[in-house]
Amino acid sequence: MRRWAIIFVFIIGFGLGLSGPILAPRYLGPYLPQFVQGKTEDVKGKVEQKQMEEEGLLITVSTDQGAILAKFKQKVAEINLLVKEGDTITLRLKGYEPFVNDPTVVKVEKRKTSPLPSSNETMPSSNQNESF
């Protein structure tokens, strides 16, 4: 009986040892301190395209290093409301990667739109100093 207990503990330990490095960053990564997670960098780019799918939200970001396709499966509704095409987004990544899943959104800068003057407003005259 003791032999089977030792074999069982060995198999469980072996399975945890193999799956730990694969599953730990995915599930424990957001809760770990920055120095344990490893080196990350903030990648800034313009949102070129946004598409909602059954599995989540796809966002294409154009950066200086190249294009990034970010797939969001968590907080999909919040990110969909926050990010629009043309906005500038900053993502925290472990370096440039063309395909990322659930990256951390650090900052979203809304695109600047110039307000159009309404028909009731008059355009200021360029000759304001002239007297008649």
Protein backbone atom coordinates (compact mmCIF):
# COMPACT_ATOMS: atom_id res chain seq x y z
CA MET A 1 0.00 0.00 0.00
CA ARG A 2 2.83 2.37 0.82
CA ARG A 3 4.37 1.81 -2.62
CA TRP A 4 1.14 2.94 -4.39
CA ALA A 5 0.97 6.08 -2.25
CA ILE A 6 4.54 6.99 -3.23
CA ILE A 7 3.80 6.38 -6.93
CA PHE A 8 0.59 8.44 -6.72
CA VAL A 9 2.38 11.39 -5.07
CA PHE A 10 5.15 11.17 -7.66
CA ILE A 11 2.67 11.26 -10.57
CA ILE A 12 0.76 14.22 -9.09
CA GLY A 13 4.02 16.12 -8.46
CA PHE A 14 5.27 15.36 -11.96
CA GLY A 15 2.00 16.63 -13.49
CA LEU A 16 2.06 19.84 -11.45
CA GLY A 17 5.71 20.37 -12.30
CA LEU A 18 5.00 20.18 -16.03
CA SER A 19 1.78 22.19 -16.07
CA GLY A 20 2.85 24.87 -13.58
CA PRO A 21 5.09 26.94 -15.88
CA ILE A 22 2.48 26.77 -18.63
CA LEU A 23 -0.65 27.60 -16.62
CA ALA A 24 0.73 29.81 -13.84
CA PRO A 25 1.44 32.93 -15.95
CA ARG A 26 -2.01 32.80 -17.52
CA TYR A 27 -3.99 32.50 -14.30
CA LEU A 28 -1.66 34.00 -11.69
CA GLY A 29 0.11 36.63 -13.82
CA PRO A 30 -2.18 39.59 -13.03
CA TYR A 31 -1.80 38.95 -9.29
CA LEU A 32 1.98 38.67 -9.21
CA PRO A 33 4.24 41.68 -8.53
CA GLN A 34 5.96 43.32 -11.49
CA PHE A 35 9.45 41.99 -10.67
CA VAL A 36 8.16 38.39 -10.70
CA GLN A 37 6.26 38.76 -13.99
CA GLY A 38 9.38 39.66 -15.92
CA LYS A 39 10.24 42.59 -18.14
CA THR A 40 7.36 44.23 -19.97
CA GLU A 41 7.12 47.26 -22.21
CA ASP A 42 4.33 49.59 -23.18
CA VAL A 43 3.51 49.46 -26.90
CA LYS A 44 1.60 52.45 -28.26
CA GLY A 45 -0.34 52.40 -31.51
CA LYS A 46 -3.42 53.50 -33.41
CA VAL A 47 -6.56 51.34 -33.48
CA GLU A 48 -7.12 50.58 -37.14
CA GLN A 49 -9.99 48.10 -36.93
CA LYS A 50 -12.28 46.64 -34.28
CA GLN A 51 -14.45 43.55 -34.70
CA MET A 52 -16.80 41.78 -32.28
CA GLU A 53 -16.91 37.98 -32.48
CA GLU A 54 -18.52 35.18 -30.48
CA GLU A 55 -15.29 34.38 -28.63
CA GLY A 56 -14.42 38.00 -27.87
CA LEU A 57 -13.24 41.27 -29.34
CA LEU A 58 -10.54 41.62 -32.00
CA ILE A 59 -8.62 44.88 -32.28
CA THR A 60 -5.98 45.63 -34.92
CA VAL A 61 -3.38 48.10 -33.68
CA SER A 62 -0.83 49.76 -35.95
CA THR A 63 2.46 50.52 -34.15
CA ASP A 64 5.92 51.71 -35.17
CA GLN A 65 7.17 48.12 -34.94
CA GLY A 66 4.33 46.61 -36.97
CA ALA A 67 0.71 45.57 -36.68
CA ILE A 68 -0.71 43.80 -33.61
CA LEU A 69 -3.88 41.74 -33.50
CA ALA A 70 -5.15 41.80 -29.91
CA LYS A 71 -7.88 39.37 -28.89
CA PHE A 72 -9.83 40.19 -25.74
CA LYS A 73 -11.85 37.47 -24.00
CA GLN A 74 -12.20 39.24 -20.65
CA LYS A 75 -13.90 42.60 -20.05
CA VAL A 76 -15.11 42.55 -23.65
CA ALA A 77 -18.08 44.91 -23.12
CA GLU A 78 -15.96 47.47 -21.24
CA ILE A 79 -13.17 47.50 -23.83
CA ASN A 80 -15.71 47.65 -26.67
CA LEU A 81 -17.24 50.80 -25.15
CA LEU A 82 -13.91 52.41 -24.35
CA VAL A 83 -11.93 51.81 -27.54
CA LYS A 84 -13.04 53.15 -30.92
CA GLU A 85 -11.37 53.04 -34.34
CA GLY A 86 -8.89 55.88 -34.70
CA ASP A 87 -8.05 56.03 -30.97
CA THR A 88 -4.49 55.64 -29.72
CA ILE A 89 -4.07 52.71 -27.33
CA THR A 90 -1.16 51.68 -25.13
CA LEU A 91 -0.80 47.96 -24.39
CA ARG A 92 1.54 46.36 -21.86
CA LEU A 93 3.33 43.46 -23.56
CA LYS A 94 6.47 41.38 -23.06
CA GLY A 95 7.79 42.91 -26.25
CA TYR A 96 6.41 43.25 -29.74
CA GLU A 97 4.21 40.30 -30.69
CA PRO A 98 1.92 40.22 -33.74
CA PHE A 99 -0.77 38.17 -31.95
CA VAL A 100 -1.65 38.73 -28.28
CA ASN A 101 -4.43 37.43 -26.07
CA ASP A 102 -5.93 39.63 -23.34
CA PRO A 103 -3.14 42.22 -23.13
CA THR A 104 -3.27 44.82 -20.37
CA VAL A 105 -4.70 48.11 -21.61
CA VAL A 106 -2.62 50.85 -20.00
CA LYS A 107 -4.05 53.94 -21.69
CA VAL A 108 -6.57 54.97 -24.34
CA GLU A 109 -6.30 58.38 -25.98
CA LYS A 110 -9.37 59.44 -27.89
CA ARG A 111 -8.85 60.74 -31.41
CA LYS A 112 -9.20 64.45 -31.72
CA THR A 113 -12.05 65.59 -33.90
CA SER A 114 -12.37 69.18 -35.00
CA PRO A 115 -15.78 70.58 -34.15
CA LEU A 116 -17.66 71.89 -37.15
CA PRO A 117 -19.17 75.36 -36.74
CA SER A 118 -22.94 75.32 -36.69
CA SER A 119 -24.92 77.29 -39.24
CA ASN A 120 -25.96 79.89 -36.61
CA GLU A 121 -22.38 80.83 -35.75
CA THR A 122 -20.67 83.47 -37.84
CA MET A 123 -17.10 83.19 -38.89
CA PRO A 124 -14.89 85.96 -37.45
CA SER A 125 -13.72 88.51 -39.94
CA SER A 126 -10.03 88.71 -40.71
CA ASN A 127 -10.24 92.49 -41.06
CA GLN A 128 -11.23 93.38 -37.49
CA ASN A 129 -8.87 96.36 -37.24
CA GLU A 130 -10.36 98.22 -40.20
CA SER A 131 -12.71 101.10 -39.53
CA PHE A 132 -15.20 102.49 -41.99
